[in-house]
């Protein structure tokens, strides 16, 4: 679930979705904006036919919060600085 396995591709794992989210956070953005951008990017890449659900996206955000990679401030998500 978090890591890819034989039956779960990296694009579908929480680690892969989280990496895509971090790639989109070049500046602070709202959750809905990131969701729309992520859907658009994955659609343009065709994503091997695997559909990303909003629930899986939220789990990836939870994973990023738990690992202290992102923070929420005044309604926008932003990357944490190392």
PDB file of N, CA and C in Angstrom:
ATOM      1  N   UNK A   1       0.813  -1.181   0.000  1.00  0.00           N
ATOM      2  CA  UNK A   1       0.000   0.000   0.000  1.00  0.00           C
ATOM      3  C   UNK A   1       0.870   1.263   0.000  1.00  0.00           C
ATOM      4  N   UNK A   2       1.787   1.353   0.929  1.00  0.00           N
ATOM      5  CA  UNK A   2       2.669   2.524   0.942  1.00  0.00           C
ATOM      6  C   UNK A   2       3.745   2.362  -0.119  1.00  0.00           C
ATOM      7  N   UNK A   3       4.346   1.194  -0.155  1.00  0.00           N
ATOM      8  CA  UNK A   3       5.397   0.898  -1.132  1.00  0.00           C
ATOM      9  C   UNK A   3       4.824   0.064  -2.270  1.00  0.00           C
ATOM     10  N   UNK A   4       5.435   0.122  -3.445  1.00  0.00           N
ATOM     11  CA  UNK A   4       4.969  -0.718  -4.547  1.00  0.00           C
ATOM     12  C   UNK A   4       5.246  -2.197  -4.253  1.00  0.00           C
ATOM     13  N   UNK A   5       4.420  -3.044  -4.814  1.00  0.00           N
ATOM     14  CA  UNK A   5       4.591  -4.492  -4.687  1.00  0.00           C
ATOM     15  C   UNK A   5       4.481  -5.112  -6.080  1.00  0.00           C
ATOM     16  N   UNK A   6       4.419  -6.426  -6.096  1.00  0.00           N
ATOM     17  CA  UNK A   6       4.277  -7.125  -7.366  1.00  0.00           C
ATOM     18  C   UNK A   6       2.967  -6.743  -8.059  1.00  0.00           C
ATOM     19  N   UNK A   7       1.932  -6.501  -7.273  1.00  0.00           N
ATOM     20  CA  UNK A   7       0.616  -6.191  -7.835  1.00  0.00           C
ATOM     21  C   UNK A   7       0.243  -4.709  -7.770  1.00  0.00           C
ATOM     22  N   UNK A   8       1.070  -3.898  -7.127  1.00  0.00           N
ATOM     23  CA  UNK A   8       0.792  -2.465  -6.982  1.00  0.00           C
ATOM     24  C   UNK A   8       1.953  -1.680  -7.570  1.00  0.00           C
ATOM     25  N   UNK A   9       1.669  -0.956  -8.633  1.00  0.00           N
ATOM     26  CA  UNK A   9       2.734  -0.197  -9.306  1.00  0.00           C
ATOM     27  C   UNK A   9       3.165   1.004  -8.466  1.00  0.00           C
ATOM     28  N   UNK A  10       4.327   1.537  -8.767  1.00  0.00           N
ATOM     29  CA  UNK A  10       4.833   2.708  -8.049  1.00  0.00           C
ATOM     30  C   UNK A  10       3.881   3.890  -8.230  1.00  0.00           C
ATOM     31  N   UNK A  11       3.261   4.017  -9.398  1.00  0.00           N
ATOM     32  CA  UNK A  11       2.341   5.120  -9.658  1.00  0.00           C
ATOM     33  C   UNK A  11       1.096   5.041  -8.778  1.00  0.00           C
ATOM     34  N   UNK A  12       0.741   3.833  -8.339  1.00  0.00           N
ATOM     35  CA  UNK A  12      -0.451   3.645  -7.525  1.00  0.00           C
ATOM     36  C   UNK A  12      -0.155   3.573  -6.032  1.00  0.00           C
ATOM     37  N   UNK A  13       1.101   3.432  -5.656  1.00  0.00           N
ATOM     38  CA  UNK A  13       1.445   3.349  -4.238  1.00  0.00           C
ATOM     39  C   UNK A  13       1.372   4.731  -3.602  1.00  0.00           C
ATOM     40  N   UNK A  14       1.199   4.773  -2.303  1.00  0.00           N
ATOM     41  CA  UNK A  14       1.147   6.055  -1.604  1.00  0.00           C
ATOM     42  C   UNK A  14       2.463   6.814  -1.762  1.00  0.00           C
ATOM     43  N   UNK A  15       3.552   6.097  -1.819  1.00  0.00           N
ATOM     44  CA  UNK A  15       4.851   6.724  -2.028  1.00  0.00           C
ATOM     45  C   UNK A  15       4.903   7.416  -3.387  1.00  0.00           C
ATOM     46  N   UNK A  16       4.396   6.767  -4.409  1.00  0.00           N
ATOM     47  CA  UNK A  16       4.385   7.340  -5.756  1.00  0.00           C
ATOM     48  C   UNK A  16       3.445   8.523  -5.879  1.00  0.00           C
ATOM     49  N   UNK A  17       2.252   8.407  -5.313  1.00  0.00           N
ATOM     50  CA  UNK A  17       1.297   9.514  -5.349  1.00  0.00           C
ATOM     51  C   UNK A  17       1.846  10.691  -4.545  1.00  0.00           C
ATOM     52  N   UNK A  18       2.449  10.396  -3.392  1.00  0.00           N
ATOM     53  CA  UNK A  18       3.055  11.447  -2.586  1.00  0.00           C
ATOM     54  C   UNK A  18       4.169  12.165  -3.323  1.00  0.00           C
ATOM     55  N   UNK A  19       4.965  11.422  -4.065  1.00  0.00           N
ATOM     56  CA  UNK A  19       6.044  12.039  -4.846  1.00  0.00           C
ATOM     57  C   UNK A  19       5.472  12.962  -5.917  1.00  0.00           C
ATOM     58  N   UNK A  20       4.381  12.539  -6.547  1.00  0.00           N
ATOM     59  CA  UNK A  20       3.730  13.392  -7.539  1.00  0.00           C
ATOM     60  C   UNK A  20       3.194  14.673  -6.906  1.00  0.00           C
ATOM     61  N   UNK A  21       2.613  14.550  -5.717  1.00  0.00           N
ATOM     62  CA  UNK A  21       2.098  15.722  -5.003  1.00  0.00           C
ATOM     63  C   UNK A  21       3.237  16.683  -4.676  1.00  0.00           C
ATOM     64  N   UNK A  22       4.333  16.156  -4.157  1.00  0.00           N
ATOM     65  CA  UNK A  22       5.477  17.015  -3.837  1.00  0.00           C
ATOM     66  C   UNK A  22       6.012  17.713  -5.080  1.00  0.00           C
ATOM     67  N   UNK A  23       5.966  17.032  -6.192  1.00  0.00           N
ATOM     68  CA  UNK A  23       6.421  17.638  -7.443  1.00  0.00           C
ATOM     69  C   UNK A  23       5.547  18.804  -7.877  1.00  0.00           C
ATOM     70  N   UNK A  24       4.276  18.772  -7.503  1.00  0.00           N
ATOM     71  CA  UNK A  24       3.355  19.849  -7.864  1.00  0.00           C
ATOM     72  C   UNK A  24       3.396  21.019  -6.887  1.00  0.00           C
ATOM     73  N   UNK A  25       4.010  20.822  -5.735  1.00  0.00           N
ATOM     74  CA  UNK A  25       4.044  21.865  -4.715  1.00  0.00           C
ATOM     75  C   UNK A  25       5.258  22.780  -4.886  1.00  0.00           C
ATOM     76  N   UNK A  26       5.368  23.393  -6.061  1.00  0.00           N
ATOM     77  CA  UNK A  26       6.448  24.348  -6.288  1.00  0.00           C
ATOM     78  C   UNK A  26       6.190  25.658  -5.551  1.00  0.00           C
ATOM     79  N   UNK A  27       4.939  25.863  -5.172  1.00  0.00           N
ATOM     80  CA  UNK A  27       4.525  27.001  -4.349  1.00  0.00           C
ATOM     81  C   UNK A  27       3.297  26.556  -3.569  1.00  0.00           C
ATOM     82  N   UNK A  28       2.909  27.244  -2.511  1.00  0.00           N
ATOM     83  CA  UNK A  28       1.731  26.835  -1.739  1.00  0.00           C
ATOM     84  C   UNK A  28       0.464  26.804  -2.599  1.00  0.00           C
ATOM     85  N   UNK A  29      -0.329  25.732  -2.425  1.00  0.00           N
ATOM     86  CA  UNK A  29      -1.557  25.554  -3.204  1.00  0.00           C
ATOM     87  C   UNK A  29      -2.631  24.938  -2.324  1.00  0.00           C
ATOM     88  N   UNK A  30      -3.880  25.104  -2.729  1.00  0.00           N
ATOM     89  CA  UNK A  30      -4.984  24.477  -2.015  1.00  0.00           C
ATOM     90  C   UNK A  30      -5.047  22.997  -2.367  1.00  0.00           C
ATOM     91  N   UNK A  31      -5.735  22.248  -1.524  1.00  0.00           N
ATOM     92  CA  UNK A  31      -5.896  20.811  -1.765  1.00  0.00           C
ATOM     93  C   UNK A  31      -6.630  20.580  -3.081  1.00  0.00           C
ATOM     94  N   UNK A  32      -7.685  21.336  -3.331  1.00  0.00           N
ATOM     95  CA  UNK A  32      -8.446  21.130  -4.562  1.00  0.00           C
ATOM     96  C   UNK A  32      -7.618  21.460  -5.805  1.00  0.00           C
ATOM     97  N   UNK A  33      -6.765  22.460  -5.716  1.00  0.00           N
ATOM     98  CA  UNK A  33      -5.912  22.802  -6.860  1.00  0.00           C
ATOM     99  C   UNK A  33      -4.906  21.679  -7.146  1.00  0.00           C
ATOM    100  N   UNK A  34      -4.312  21.134  -6.097  1.00  0.00           N
ATOM    101  CA  UNK A  34      -3.364  20.031  -6.280  1.00  0.00           C
ATOM    102  C   UNK A  34      -4.075  18.822  -6.862  1.00  0.00           C
ATOM    103  N   UNK A  35      -5.286  18.538  -6.370  1.00  0.00           N
ATOM    104  CA  UNK A  35      -6.058  17.402  -6.870  1.00  0.00           C
ATOM    105  C   UNK A  35      -6.336  17.564  -8.372  1.00  0.00           C
ATOM    106  N   UNK A  36      -6.768  18.732  -8.787  1.00  0.00           N
ATOM    107  CA  UNK A  36      -7.059  18.964 -10.203  1.00  0.00           C
ATOM    108  C   UNK A  36      -5.797  18.862 -11.050  1.00  0.00           C
ATOM    109  N   UNK A  37      -4.698  19.433 -10.585  1.00  0.00           N
ATOM    110  CA  UNK A  37      -3.439  19.359 -11.326  1.00  0.00           C
ATOM    111  C   UNK A  37      -2.939  17.927 -11.426  1.00  0.00           C
ATOM    112  N   UNK A  38      -3.060  17.175 -10.341  1.00  0.00           N
ATOM    113  CA  UNK A  38      -2.606  15.786 -10.343  1.00  0.00           C
ATOM    114  C   UNK A  38      -3.426  14.949 -11.318  1.00  0.00           C
ATOM    115  N   UNK A  39      -4.738  15.129 -11.318  1.00  0.00           N
ATOM    116  CA  UNK A  39      -5.588  14.405 -12.270  1.00  0.00           C
ATOM    117  C   UNK A  39      -5.209  14.756 -13.695  1.00  0.00           C
ATOM    118  N   UNK A  40      -4.952  16.022 -13.954  1.00  0.00           N
ATOM    119  CA  UNK A  40      -4.592  16.466 -15.292  1.00  0.00           C
ATOM    120  C   UNK A  40      -3.259  15.869 -15.746  1.00  0.00           C
ATOM    121  N   UNK A  41      -2.268  15.892 -14.858  1.00  0.00           N
ATOM    122  CA  UNK A  41      -0.955  15.337 -15.192  1.00  0.00           C
ATOM    123  C   UNK A  41      -1.053  13.842 -15.454  1.00  0.00           C
ATOM    124  N   UNK A  42      -1.767  13.134 -14.599  1.00  0.00           N
ATOM    125  CA  UNK A  42      -1.888  11.685 -14.771  1.00  0.00           C
ATOM    126  C   UNK A  42      -2.678  11.334 -16.015  1.00  0.00           C
ATOM    127  N   UNK A  43      -3.675  12.124 -16.355  1.00  0.00           N
ATOM    128  CA  UNK A  43      -4.444  11.864 -17.567  1.00  0.00           C
ATOM    129  C   UNK A  43      -3.575  12.061 -18.800  1.00  0.00           C
ATOM    130  N   UNK A  44      -2.747  13.107 -18.790  1.00  0.00           N
ATOM    131  CA  UNK A  44      -1.881  13.373 -19.945  1.00  0.00           C
ATOM    132  C   UNK A  44      -0.801  12.301 -20.105  1.00  0.00           C
ATOM    133  N   UNK A  45      -0.404  11.682 -18.998  1.00  0.00           N
ATOM    134  CA  UNK A  45       0.602  10.616 -19.070  1.00  0.00           C
ATOM    135  C   UNK A  45      -0.021   9.251 -19.311  1.00  0.00           C
ATOM    136  N   UNK A  46      -1.346   9.200 -19.327  1.00  0.00           N
ATOM    137  CA  UNK A  46      -2.132   7.993 -19.554  1.00  0.00           C
ATOM    138  C   UNK A  46      -2.069   7.033 -18.380  1.00  0.00           C
ATOM    139  N   UNK A  47      -1.144   7.154 -17.475  1.00  0.00           N
ATOM    140  CA  UNK A  47      -1.069   6.429 -16.210  1.00  0.00           C
ATOM    141  C   UNK A  47      -1.408   4.946 -16.301  1.00  0.00           C
ATOM    142  N   UNK A  48      -1.086   4.317 -17.414  1.00  0.00           N
ATOM    143  CA  UNK A  48      -1.276   2.872 -17.585  1.00  0.00           C
ATOM    144  C   UNK A  48      -2.694   2.403 -17.261  1.00  0.00           C
ATOM    145  N   UNK A  49      -3.679   3.280 -17.416  1.00  0.00           N
ATOM    146  CA  UNK A  49      -5.066   2.900 -17.192  1.00  0.00           C
ATOM    147  C   UNK A  49      -5.487   2.831 -15.737  1.00  0.00           C
ATOM    148  N   UNK A  50      -4.580   3.118 -14.814  1.00  0.00           N
ATOM    149  CA  UNK A  50      -4.918   3.056 -13.397  1.00  0.00           C
ATOM    150  C   UNK A  50      -5.497   4.390 -12.967  1.00  0.00           C
ATOM    151  N   UNK A  51      -6.662   4.347 -12.373  1.00  0.00           N
ATOM    152  CA  UNK A  51      -7.360   5.572 -11.985  1.00  0.00           C
ATOM    153  C   UNK A  51      -7.075   5.901 -10.528  1.00  0.00           C
ATOM    154  N   UNK A  52      -6.710   7.139 -10.278  1.00  0.00           N
ATOM    155  CA  UNK A  52      -6.448   7.605  -8.927  1.00  0.00           C
ATOM    156  C   UNK A  52      -7.744   8.132  -8.328  1.00  0.00           C
ATOM    157  N   UNK A  53      -8.131   7.613  -7.165  1.00  0.00           N
ATOM    158  CA  UNK A  53      -9.336   8.095  -6.501  1.00  0.00           C
ATOM    159  C   UNK A  53      -8.975   9.213  -5.532  1.00  0.00           C
ATOM    160  N   UNK A  54      -9.983  10.015  -5.197  1.00  0.00           N
ATOM    161  CA  UNK A  54      -9.755  11.101  -4.250  1.00  0.00           C
ATOM    162  C   UNK A  54      -9.371  10.540  -2.885  1.00  0.00           C
ATOM    163  N   UNK A  55      -9.938   9.407  -2.517  1.00  0.00           N
ATOM    164  CA  UNK A  55      -9.610   8.789  -1.229  1.00  0.00           C
ATOM    165  C   UNK A  55      -8.139   8.396  -1.164  1.00  0.00           C
ATOM    166  N   UNK A  56      -7.622   7.866  -2.246  1.00  0.00           N
ATOM    167  CA  UNK A  56      -6.203   7.473  -2.293  1.00  0.00           C
ATOM    168  C   UNK A  56      -5.307   8.714  -2.254  1.00  0.00           C
ATOM    169  N   UNK A  57      -5.746   9.791  -2.904  1.00  0.00           N
ATOM    170  CA  UNK A  57      -5.045  11.062  -2.871  1.00  0.00           C
ATOM    171  C   UNK A  57      -4.967  11.589  -1.440  1.00  0.00           C
ATOM    172  N   UNK A  58      -6.081  11.518  -0.708  1.00  0.00           N
ATOM    173  CA  UNK A  58      -6.105  11.988   0.681  1.00  0.00           C
ATOM    174  C   UNK A  58      -5.191  11.124   1.547  1.00  0.00           C
ATOM    175  N   UNK A  59      -5.167   9.819   1.317  1.00  0.00           N
ATOM    176  CA  UNK A  59      -4.244   8.956   2.061  1.00  0.00           C
ATOM    177  C   UNK A  59      -2.795   9.343   1.787  1.00  0.00           C
ATOM    178  N   UNK A  60      -2.494   9.717   0.551  1.00  0.00           N
ATOM    179  CA  UNK A  60      -1.138  10.159   0.227  1.00  0.00           C
ATOM    180  C   UNK A  60      -0.814  11.462   0.956  1.00  0.00           C
ATOM    181  N   UNK A  61      -1.789  12.371   1.040  1.00  0.00           N
ATOM    182  CA  UNK A  61      -1.576  13.601   1.804  1.00  0.00           C
ATOM    183  C   UNK A  61      -1.339  13.285   3.280  1.00  0.00           C
ATOM    184  N   UNK A  62      -2.114  12.348   3.816  1.00  0.00           N
ATOM    185  CA  UNK A  62      -1.905  11.925   5.213  1.00  0.00           C
ATOM    186  C   UNK A  62      -0.492  11.385   5.411  1.00  0.00           C
ATOM    187  N   UNK A  63      -0.039  10.581   4.471  1.00  0.00           N
ATOM    188  CA  UNK A  63       1.310  10.028   4.527  1.00  0.00           C
ATOM    189  C   UNK A  63       2.352  11.143   4.527  1.00  0.00           C
ATOM    190  N   UNK A  64       2.154  12.156   3.680  1.00  0.00           N
ATOM    191  CA  UNK A  64       3.093  13.273   3.622  1.00  0.00           C
ATOM    192  C   UNK A  64       3.073  14.095   4.904  1.00  0.00           C
ATOM    193  N   UNK A  65       1.894  14.259   5.508  1.00  0.00           N
ATOM    194  CA  UNK A  65       1.813  14.954   6.793  1.00  0.00           C
ATOM    195  C   UNK A  65       2.538  14.167   7.876  1.00  0.00           C
ATOM    196  N   UNK A  66       2.324  12.857   7.901  1.00  0.00           N
ATOM    197  CA  UNK A  66       2.959  12.014   8.924  1.00  0.00           C
ATOM    198  C   UNK A  66       4.473  12.024   8.818  1.00  0.00           C
ATOM    199  N   UNK A  67       4.976  12.124   7.615  1.00  0.00           N
ATOM    200  CA  UNK A  67       6.424  12.144   7.426  1.00  0.00           C
ATOM    201  C   UNK A  67       6.984  13.564   7.488  1.00  0.00           C
ATOM    202  N   UNK A  68       6.109  14.527   7.801  1.00  0.00           N
ATOM    203  CA  UNK A  68       6.493  15.932   7.951  1.00  0.00           C
ATOM    204  C   UNK A  68       7.052  16.520   6.655  1.00  0.00           C
ATOM    205  N   UNK A  69       6.548  16.039   5.520  1.00  0.00           N
ATOM    206  CA  UNK A  69       7.000  16.548   4.230  1.00  0.00           C
ATOM    207  C   UNK A  69       6.194  17.765   3.785  1.00  0.00           C
ATOM    208  N   UNK A  70       4.941  17.883   4.280  1.00  0.00           N
ATOM    209  CA  UNK A  70       4.094  19.014   3.925  1.00  0.00           C
ATOM    210  C   UNK A  70       3.428  19.561   5.179  1.00  0.00           C
ATOM    211  N   UNK A  71       2.934  20.777   5.065  1.00  0.00           N
ATOM    212  CA  UNK A  71       2.179  21.382   6.163  1.00  0.00           C
ATOM    213  C   UNK A  71       0.999  22.148   5.572  1.00  0.00           C
ATOM    214  N   UNK A  72       0.008  22.384   6.415  1.00  0.00           N
ATOM    215  CA  UNK A  72      -1.166  23.148   6.021  1.00  0.00           C
ATOM    216  C   UNK A  72      -1.163  24.432   6.827  1.00  0.00           C
ATOM    217  N   UNK A  73      -1.168  25.557   6.123  1.00  0.00           N
ATOM    218  CA  UNK A  73      -1.152  26.851   6.789  1.00  0.00           C
ATOM    219  C   UNK A  73      -2.131  27.780   6.084  1.00  0.00           C
ATOM    220  N   UNK A  74      -3.120  28.264   6.828  1.00  0.00           N
ATOM    221  CA  UNK A  74      -4.135  29.176   6.303  1.00  0.00           C
ATOM    222  C   UNK A  74      -4.810  28.632   5.048  1.00  0.00           C
ATOM    223  N   UNK A  75      -5.132  27.352   5.052  1.00  0.00           N
ATOM    224  CA  UNK A  75      -5.889  26.743   3.961  1.00  0.00           C
ATOM    225  C   UNK A  75      -5.096  26.312   2.753  1.00  0.00           C
ATOM    226  N   UNK A  76      -3.776  26.445   2.787  1.00  0.00           N
ATOM    227  CA  UNK A  76      -2.960  26.006   1.652  1.00  0.00           C
ATOM    228  C   UNK A  76      -1.885  25.028   2.123  1.00  0.00           C
ATOM    229  N   UNK A  77      -1.581  24.103   1.248  1.00  0.00           N
ATOM    230  CA  UNK A  77      -0.518  23.137   1.519  1.00  0.00           C
ATOM    231  C   UNK A  77       0.804  23.704   1.016  1.00  0.00           C
ATOM    232  N   UNK A  78       1.852  23.396   1.730  1.00  0.00           N
ATOM    233  CA  UNK A  78       3.178  23.805   1.287  1.00  0.00           C
ATOM    234  C   UNK A  78       4.191  22.757   1.706  1.00  0.00           C
ATOM    235  N   UNK A  79       5.260  22.694   0.940  1.00  0.00           N
ATOM    236  CA  UNK A  79       6.363  21.786   1.279  1.00  0.00           C
ATOM    237  C   UNK A  79       7.065  22.283   2.515  1.00  0.00           C
ATOM    238  N   UNK A  80       7.524  21.328   3.335  1.00  0.00           N
ATOM    239  CA  UNK A  80       8.354  21.688   4.477  1.00  0.00           C
ATOM    240  C   UNK A  80       9.779  21.843   4.001  1.00  0.00           C
ATOM    241  N   UNK A  81      10.454  22.821   4.523  1.00  0.00           N
ATOM    242  CA  UNK A  81      11.855  23.018   4.175  1.00  0.00           C
ATOM    243  C   UNK A  81      12.714  22.100   5.044  1.00  0.00           C
ATOM    244  N   UNK A  82      13.710  21.433   4.439  1.00  0.00           N
ATOM    245  CA  UNK A  82      14.565  20.515   5.203  1.00  0.00           C
ATOM    246  C   UNK A  82      15.436  21.223   6.208  1.00  0.00           C
TER     247      UNK A  82
END
